[in-house]
N, C-alpha and C. Protein backbone atom coordinates (compact mmCIF):
# COMPACT_ATOMS: atom_id res chain seq x y z
N MET A 1 36.20 -33.16 -4.58
CA MET A 1 34.49 -33.45 -4.15
C MET A 1 33.81 -32.65 -5.68
N ARG A 2 32.82 -33.77 -5.87
CA ARG A 2 31.51 -32.72 -6.83
C ARG A 2 30.56 -32.39 -6.48
N LEU A 3 29.63 -32.02 -6.11
CA LEU A 3 28.34 -31.25 -6.06
C LEU A 3 27.48 -31.69 -6.61
N ASP A 4 26.49 -32.06 -6.04
CA ASP A 4 25.46 -31.77 -7.36
C ASP A 4 24.06 -31.18 -7.12
N PRO A 5 24.37 -30.16 -8.86
CA PRO A 5 23.47 -28.76 -8.44
C PRO A 5 21.87 -29.22 -8.62
N SER A 6 21.16 -30.30 -8.38
CA SER A 6 20.38 -30.49 -9.19
C SER A 6 19.34 -29.81 -8.33
N PRO A 7 18.17 -29.41 -8.51
CA PRO A 7 17.26 -28.37 -7.96
C PRO A 7 16.75 -29.66 -7.05
N GLU A 8 15.92 -30.27 -6.94
CA GLU A 8 15.40 -31.28 -5.75
C GLU A 8 15.84 -30.83 -4.95
N ARG A 9 17.40 -30.90 -4.60
CA ARG A 9 18.06 -30.68 -2.76
C ARG A 9 18.08 -29.33 -2.59
N PHE A 10 17.27 -27.95 -3.34
CA PHE A 10 17.24 -26.93 -2.55
C PHE A 10 16.08 -26.56 -2.42
N ARG A 11 15.06 -27.70 -3.07
CA ARG A 11 13.81 -27.20 -2.67
C ARG A 11 13.61 -27.05 -0.94
N ASP A 12 13.77 -27.84 -0.51
CA ASP A 12 13.09 -27.53 1.00
C ASP A 12 13.99 -26.50 2.10
N PRO A 13 14.50 -26.33 2.43
CA PRO A 13 14.95 -24.56 2.48
C PRO A 13 14.51 -24.20 1.98
N MET A 14 14.15 -23.73 0.38
CA MET A 14 13.86 -22.89 0.17
C MET A 14 12.42 -22.23 0.45
N ALA A 15 11.48 -23.70 0.76
CA ALA A 15 10.23 -23.48 1.62
C ALA A 15 10.17 -22.83 2.92
N THR A 16 11.07 -22.64 3.31
CA THR A 16 11.33 -22.08 4.85
C THR A 16 12.03 -20.56 4.84
N ASP A 17 11.41 -19.70 5.73
CA ASP A 17 11.93 -18.37 5.61
C ASP A 17 13.38 -18.25 6.32
N ASP A 18 13.17 -19.08 7.10
CA ASP A 18 14.75 -19.04 8.24
C ASP A 18 14.96 -20.66 8.37
N PRO A 19 15.77 -21.05 7.02
CA PRO A 19 16.31 -22.50 7.20
C PRO A 19 17.21 -22.35 8.52
N ASP A 20 17.57 -23.57 9.32
CA ASP A 20 18.98 -23.65 10.13
C ASP A 20 19.99 -23.69 9.60
N PHE A 21 21.17 -24.28 10.33
CA PHE A 21 22.19 -24.49 9.24
C PHE A 21 22.45 -26.38 9.36
N ALA A 22 21.63 -26.96 10.16
CA ALA A 22 21.11 -28.26 9.85
C ALA A 22 20.90 -28.40 8.45
N GLU A 23 19.78 -28.01 8.66
CA GLU A 23 18.68 -28.10 7.30
C GLU A 23 19.60 -27.64 5.86
N VAL A 24 20.38 -26.68 5.72
CA VAL A 24 21.02 -25.74 4.85
C VAL A 24 22.47 -26.65 4.58
N LEU A 25 22.80 -27.25 5.39
CA LEU A 25 23.86 -28.41 5.69
C LEU A 25 23.84 -29.60 4.93
N ALA A 26 22.30 -30.16 5.39
CA ALA A 26 22.17 -31.58 4.93
C ALA A 26 21.78 -31.28 2.98
N CYS A 27 21.21 -29.94 2.80
CA CYS A 27 20.43 -29.54 1.35
C CYS A 27 21.76 -29.78 0.44
N VAL A 28 23.07 -28.74 1.03
CA VAL A 28 23.74 -28.12 0.43
C VAL A 28 24.34 -29.44 -0.30
N PHE A 29 24.56 -30.30 0.76
CA PHE A 29 25.76 -31.67 0.45
C PHE A 29 25.30 -32.27 0.48
N GLY A 30 23.86 -32.58 0.99
CA GLY A 30 23.05 -33.55 -0.04
C GLY A 30 23.19 -34.93 1.41
N VAL A 31 23.29 -34.71 2.56
CA VAL A 31 24.01 -35.53 3.61
C VAL A 31 22.70 -35.89 4.58
N GLN A 32 22.63 -36.85 5.29
CA GLN A 32 21.71 -37.08 6.52
C GLN A 32 21.75 -36.44 7.47
N GLY A 33 20.58 -36.08 8.56
CA GLY A 33 21.04 -35.77 9.56
C GLY A 33 21.68 -36.10 10.60
N HIS A 34 22.01 -37.70 10.21
CA HIS A 34 23.15 -38.37 11.27
C HIS A 34 24.66 -37.79 10.98
N GLU A 35 24.46 -37.44 9.86
CA GLU A 35 25.68 -37.21 9.39
C GLU A 35 26.23 -35.59 9.64
N VAL A 36 24.91 -34.94 9.87
CA VAL A 36 25.26 -33.45 10.23
C VAL A 36 26.06 -33.49 11.95
N ARG A 37 24.78 -34.41 12.72
CA ARG A 37 25.42 -34.42 13.99
C ARG A 37 26.85 -35.03 14.09
N THR A 38 27.51 -35.83 13.01
CA THR A 38 28.75 -36.74 13.19
C THR A 38 29.53 -34.53 12.69
N TYR A 39 29.35 -34.30 12.08
CA TYR A 39 30.07 -32.61 11.67
C TYR A 39 30.03 -31.95 12.91
N ARG A 40 28.90 -31.66 13.33
CA ARG A 40 28.87 -30.84 14.71
C ARG A 40 29.76 -31.63 15.67
N THR A 41 29.96 -32.77 16.10
CA THR A 41 30.93 -32.90 16.71
C THR A 41 31.75 -32.97 16.88
N LEU A 42 32.19 -33.53 15.81
CA LEU A 42 33.55 -33.07 15.05
C LEU A 42 34.10 -31.46 15.58
N LEU A 43 33.22 -30.60 14.93
CA LEU A 43 33.48 -29.68 15.30
C LEU A 43 34.04 -28.94 16.61
N ASP A 44 33.25 -30.12 17.28
CA ASP A 44 33.78 -29.59 18.81
C ASP A 44 34.87 -30.06 19.39
N ALA A 45 35.22 -31.50 18.94
CA ALA A 45 35.89 -32.59 19.21
C ALA A 45 36.98 -33.01 17.97
N PRO A 46 37.63 -31.83 17.86
CA PRO A 46 38.75 -31.85 16.63
C PRO A 46 39.47 -33.14 16.74
N GLY A 47 39.78 -33.62 16.02
CA GLY A 47 40.96 -34.93 16.58
C GLY A 47 40.63 -36.37 17.11
N SER A 48 38.97 -36.58 16.90
CA SER A 48 38.31 -37.74 17.71
C SER A 48 38.54 -38.61 16.55
N THR A 49 39.18 -39.98 17.44
CA THR A 49 38.63 -41.18 16.59
C THR A 49 37.23 -41.54 16.22
N VAL A 50 37.22 -42.51 15.75
CA VAL A 50 35.55 -43.58 15.47
C VAL A 50 35.10 -44.01 16.60
N GLU A 51 36.26 -44.75 17.38
CA GLU A 51 35.70 -44.99 18.96
C GLU A 51 34.75 -43.83 19.94
N GLU A 52 35.62 -42.73 19.72
CA GLU A 52 35.62 -41.51 20.02
C GLU A 52 33.85 -40.64 19.92
N LEU A 53 34.13 -40.86 18.52
CA LEU A 53 32.91 -40.64 17.71
C LEU A 53 31.80 -41.43 18.11
N ALA A 54 31.62 -42.44 18.17
CA ALA A 54 31.26 -42.94 18.44
C ALA A 54 30.17 -43.64 19.89
N THR A 55 30.80 -43.21 20.72
CA THR A 55 30.32 -42.79 21.98
C THR A 55 29.70 -41.58 21.98
N ALA A 56 30.09 -40.50 22.09
CA ALA A 56 29.49 -39.33 21.82
C ALA A 56 28.36 -39.07 20.88
N LEU A 57 28.29 -39.92 19.64
CA LEU A 57 27.06 -39.98 19.11
C LEU A 57 25.93 -40.85 19.44
N GLU A 58 26.67 -41.72 20.63
CA GLU A 58 25.64 -42.91 20.63
C GLU A 58 25.10 -43.72 19.65
N ARG A 59 26.27 -44.07 18.45
CA ARG A 59 26.06 -44.82 17.57
C ARG A 59 27.15 -45.97 17.29
N ASP A 60 26.91 -46.92 16.71
CA ASP A 60 27.17 -48.04 16.38
C ASP A 60 29.02 -47.38 15.54
N ARG A 61 29.92 -48.44 15.95
CA ARG A 61 31.19 -47.67 15.04
C ARG A 61 31.19 -47.80 13.58
N SER A 62 30.39 -48.93 13.11
CA SER A 62 30.23 -49.09 11.40
C SER A 62 29.48 -47.52 10.83
N ASN A 63 28.19 -47.14 11.50
CA ASN A 63 27.90 -46.07 11.07
C ASN A 63 28.24 -44.98 11.33
N VAL A 64 29.27 -44.89 12.35
CA VAL A 64 30.07 -43.20 12.35
C VAL A 64 31.04 -43.37 10.98
N ASN A 65 31.47 -44.89 10.86
CA ASN A 65 32.93 -45.05 9.88
C ASN A 65 31.80 -44.59 8.32
N ARG A 66 30.87 -45.38 8.57
CA ARG A 66 30.01 -44.34 6.93
C ARG A 66 29.67 -42.85 7.33
N SER A 67 29.40 -42.58 8.08
CA SER A 67 29.09 -40.99 8.25
C SER A 67 30.49 -40.30 7.78
N LEU A 68 31.56 -40.47 8.59
CA LEU A 68 33.06 -39.69 8.04
C LEU A 68 33.78 -40.21 6.95
N SER A 69 32.64 -41.27 6.14
CA SER A 69 33.50 -41.40 4.44
C SER A 69 32.43 -40.30 4.36
N THR A 70 31.37 -40.25 4.41
CA THR A 70 30.55 -39.29 3.28
C THR A 70 31.22 -37.78 4.04
N LEU A 71 31.15 -37.53 4.97
CA LEU A 71 31.62 -36.09 5.18
C LEU A 71 32.81 -36.05 4.38
N ARG A 72 34.41 -37.14 4.52
CA ARG A 72 35.58 -36.69 3.64
C ARG A 72 35.12 -36.84 2.28
N GLU A 73 34.03 -37.08 2.09
CA GLU A 73 33.60 -37.10 0.50
C GLU A 73 33.18 -35.94 0.00
N LYS A 74 32.10 -34.81 0.91
CA LYS A 74 32.03 -34.01 0.79
C LYS A 74 33.01 -32.81 0.65
N GLY A 75 33.79 -33.23 1.42
CA GLY A 75 35.27 -32.40 1.74
C GLY A 75 34.66 -31.82 3.24
N LEU A 76 33.37 -32.16 4.51
CA LEU A 76 33.54 -31.74 5.71
C LEU A 76 34.42 -31.97 6.32
N ALA A 77 35.27 -33.11 6.30
CA ALA A 77 35.99 -34.11 6.86
C ALA A 77 37.75 -34.42 6.68
N ARG A 78 38.41 -34.38 7.50
CA ARG A 78 39.75 -34.51 7.21
C ARG A 78 40.45 -35.85 8.12
N ARG A 79 41.00 -36.35 7.36
CA ARG A 79 41.52 -37.82 8.78
C ARG A 79 42.98 -38.12 8.55
N GLU A 80 43.71 -37.85 10.03
CA GLU A 80 45.35 -37.93 10.23
C GLU A 80 45.14 -39.43 10.47
N ARG A 81 46.35 -39.97 10.17
CA ARG A 81 46.82 -41.25 10.62
C ARG A 81 47.77 -40.81 11.59
N ARG A 82 47.82 -41.45 13.03
CA ARG A 82 48.42 -41.03 14.22
C ARG A 82 49.09 -42.26 14.41
N LEU A 83 50.61 -42.67 14.81
CA LEU A 83 51.13 -43.70 15.31
C LEU A 83 51.13 -43.86 16.40
N LEU A 84 50.61 -45.13 16.92
CA LEU A 84 50.82 -45.49 18.79
C LEU A 84 52.01 -45.57 19.16
N ASP A 85 52.55 -45.00 20.37
CA ASP A 85 53.44 -45.94 21.12
C ASP A 85 53.75 -47.18 21.49
N GLY A 86 52.33 -47.93 21.18
CA GLY A 86 53.09 -49.66 21.68
C GLY A 86 52.82 -50.19 20.03
N GLY A 87 52.69 -49.74 18.77
CA GLY A 87 52.81 -49.75 17.72
C GLY A 87 51.82 -49.57 17.22
N GLY A 88 51.51 -49.93 15.76
CA GLY A 88 50.23 -49.47 14.77
C GLY A 88 49.78 -48.11 14.62
N HIS A 89 48.85 -48.00 14.33
CA HIS A 89 48.10 -46.22 14.34
C HIS A 89 46.83 -46.51 14.74
N VAL A 90 45.67 -45.30 14.45
CA VAL A 90 44.55 -44.82 14.72
C VAL A 90 44.46 -43.66 14.43
N TYR A 91 43.45 -43.23 13.14
CA TYR A 91 42.43 -42.68 12.82
C TYR A 91 42.08 -41.59 13.34
N GLN A 92 42.64 -40.40 13.61
CA GLN A 92 41.69 -39.43 14.14
C GLN A 92 41.06 -38.75 12.87
N TYR A 93 40.09 -37.87 13.48
CA TYR A 93 39.41 -37.34 12.33
C TYR A 93 38.89 -36.02 12.78
N THR A 94 39.16 -34.86 11.84
CA THR A 94 39.07 -32.83 12.31
C THR A 94 37.44 -32.72 11.50
N ALA A 95 37.12 -31.62 11.55
CA ALA A 95 35.67 -31.42 10.91
C ALA A 95 36.39 -30.30 9.99
N THR A 96 36.17 -29.92 8.23
CA THR A 96 36.51 -28.76 8.08
C THR A 96 36.14 -27.86 8.90
N PRO A 97 36.80 -26.52 9.02
CA PRO A 97 36.75 -25.25 9.34
C PRO A 97 35.39 -24.44 9.53
N LEU A 98 34.20 -24.29 9.97
CA LEU A 98 32.89 -23.64 9.68
C LEU A 98 33.32 -22.56 8.39
N SER A 99 34.06 -21.51 8.47
CA SER A 99 34.48 -20.71 7.31
C SER A 99 34.72 -21.28 5.99
N GLU A 100 35.80 -22.32 5.72
CA GLU A 100 35.48 -23.33 4.88
C GLU A 100 34.34 -24.28 4.37
N ALA A 101 33.55 -24.50 5.30
CA ALA A 101 32.64 -25.38 4.66
C ALA A 101 31.55 -24.58 4.33
N ARG A 102 31.35 -22.77 4.88
CA ARG A 102 30.21 -22.06 4.11
C ARG A 102 30.86 -21.81 2.64
N GLU A 103 32.06 -21.33 2.74
CA GLU A 103 32.59 -21.67 1.12
C GLU A 103 32.09 -22.52 0.28
N LEU A 104 32.13 -23.84 0.39
CA LEU A 104 31.93 -24.75 -0.09
C LEU A 104 30.54 -24.53 -0.29
N MET A 105 29.92 -24.71 0.57
CA MET A 105 28.19 -24.54 0.14
C MET A 105 28.29 -23.33 -0.67
N HIS A 106 28.67 -22.16 -0.62
CA HIS A 106 28.26 -20.98 -1.21
C HIS A 106 28.55 -21.17 -2.70
N GLU A 107 30.02 -22.24 -3.32
CA GLU A 107 30.56 -22.66 -4.35
C GLU A 107 29.33 -23.76 -4.43
N ALA A 108 28.28 -24.87 -4.13
CA ALA A 108 27.48 -25.36 -4.57
C ALA A 108 26.16 -24.65 -4.59
N LEU A 109 25.76 -23.74 -4.14
CA LEU A 109 24.70 -22.69 -4.80
C LEU A 109 25.07 -21.79 -5.76
N ASP A 110 26.14 -21.28 -6.11
CA ASP A 110 26.26 -20.78 -7.44
C ASP A 110 26.29 -21.68 -8.72
N GLY A 111 26.91 -23.01 -8.14
CA GLY A 111 27.13 -24.14 -9.29
C GLY A 111 25.42 -24.25 -9.82
N TRP A 112 24.89 -24.05 -8.97
CA TRP A 112 23.16 -24.56 -8.81
C TRP A 112 22.61 -23.37 -9.26
N ALA A 113 22.61 -22.32 -8.86
CA ALA A 113 22.23 -21.16 -10.19
C ALA A 113 22.50 -21.09 -11.11
N ALA A 114 23.94 -21.06 -11.33
CA ALA A 114 24.33 -21.27 -12.98
C ALA A 114 23.37 -22.11 -13.62
N ALA A 115 23.83 -23.55 -13.13
CA ALA A 115 22.89 -24.69 -13.95
C ALA A 115 21.48 -24.03 -14.17
N VAL A 116 20.53 -23.61 -13.07
CA VAL A 116 19.54 -23.36 -13.73
C VAL A 116 19.14 -22.01 -14.41
N HIS A 117 20.00 -21.36 -14.62
CA HIS A 117 20.69 -20.05 -15.26
C HIS A 117 20.44 -20.38 -16.50
N ASP A 118 21.20 -21.91 -16.53
CA ASP A 118 21.58 -22.22 -18.22
C ASP A 118 20.01 -23.21 -18.89
N SER A 119 19.85 -23.30 -17.70
CA SER A 119 18.31 -24.48 -17.96
C SER A 119 17.19 -23.06 -18.48
N ILE A 120 17.05 -22.32 -18.51
CA ILE A 120 16.45 -21.16 -18.58
C ILE A 120 16.94 -20.53 -19.50
N ASP A 121 17.90 -19.97 -20.00
CA ASP A 121 17.99 -19.47 -20.97
C ASP A 121 18.59 -20.40 -22.29
N ALA A 122 18.10 -21.99 -21.98
CA ALA A 122 18.01 -22.94 -22.75
C ALA A 122 16.45 -23.32 -23.59
N PHE A 123 15.15 -22.28 -22.61
CA PHE A 123 13.81 -22.91 -22.67
C PHE A 123 13.68 -22.26 -24.41
N GLU A 124 12.95 -23.09 -24.72
CA GLU A 124 12.71 -22.59 -26.46
C GLU A 124 11.33 -22.18 -25.95
N GLY A 125 10.42 -22.20 -27.58
CA GLY A 125 8.94 -22.13 -27.03
C GLY A 125 7.89 -22.93 -26.56
N ASN A 126 8.37 -24.20 -26.94
CA ASN A 126 7.74 -24.92 -25.67
C ASN A 126 8.05 -25.52 -24.44
N THR A 127 7.31 -25.19 -23.53
CA THR A 127 7.43 -25.70 -22.46
C THR A 127 6.88 -27.33 -22.09
N ALA A 128 7.84 -27.76 -21.13
CA ALA A 128 7.32 -28.84 -20.72
C ALA A 128 5.15 -29.45 -20.37
N GLY A 129 4.91 -28.57 -20.58
CA GLY A 129 3.16 -28.46 -19.82
C GLY A 129 2.75 -28.37 -21.16
N GLY A 130 3.55 -28.17 -22.57
CA GLY A 130 3.22 -28.19 -23.91
C GLY A 130 2.55 -26.81 -24.48
N GLU A 131 2.36 -25.87 -23.62
CA GLU A 131 2.35 -24.42 -23.91
C GLU A 131 3.02 -23.63 -24.63
N SER A 132 2.69 -23.11 -25.53
CA SER A 132 4.20 -21.96 -25.95
C SER A 132 4.26 -20.18 -25.50
N ALA A 133 5.28 -20.10 -25.48
CA ALA A 133 5.51 -18.85 -25.05
C ALA A 133 5.14 -18.21 -25.43
């Protein structure tokens, strides 16, 4: 999992004195609101299937699948295969615990801050506005 440390991602929450969990999660991981809802639902219902999530979220299964793929890519969800008694299998999804997600957010922000510090250190006499320091 690689997080994008681009400064644009962090502008919205920085404009608010008290951003909520959904804003910070969406910003840090670059996910959409429906993916945040999927993550929150998984926190409350670990081991859910796509069908169960689609029902709980009132969304199409294909959309839930895409959200789950994104969450797994970002390290926010895990998938396990469960064999069915009658044959075949089903995938069950569980959210990464909030404590681990917080650590991932800290790592992403630390990486972003390091990138910004490197950019500051790289400034020469000329800035983007063409003025000399």
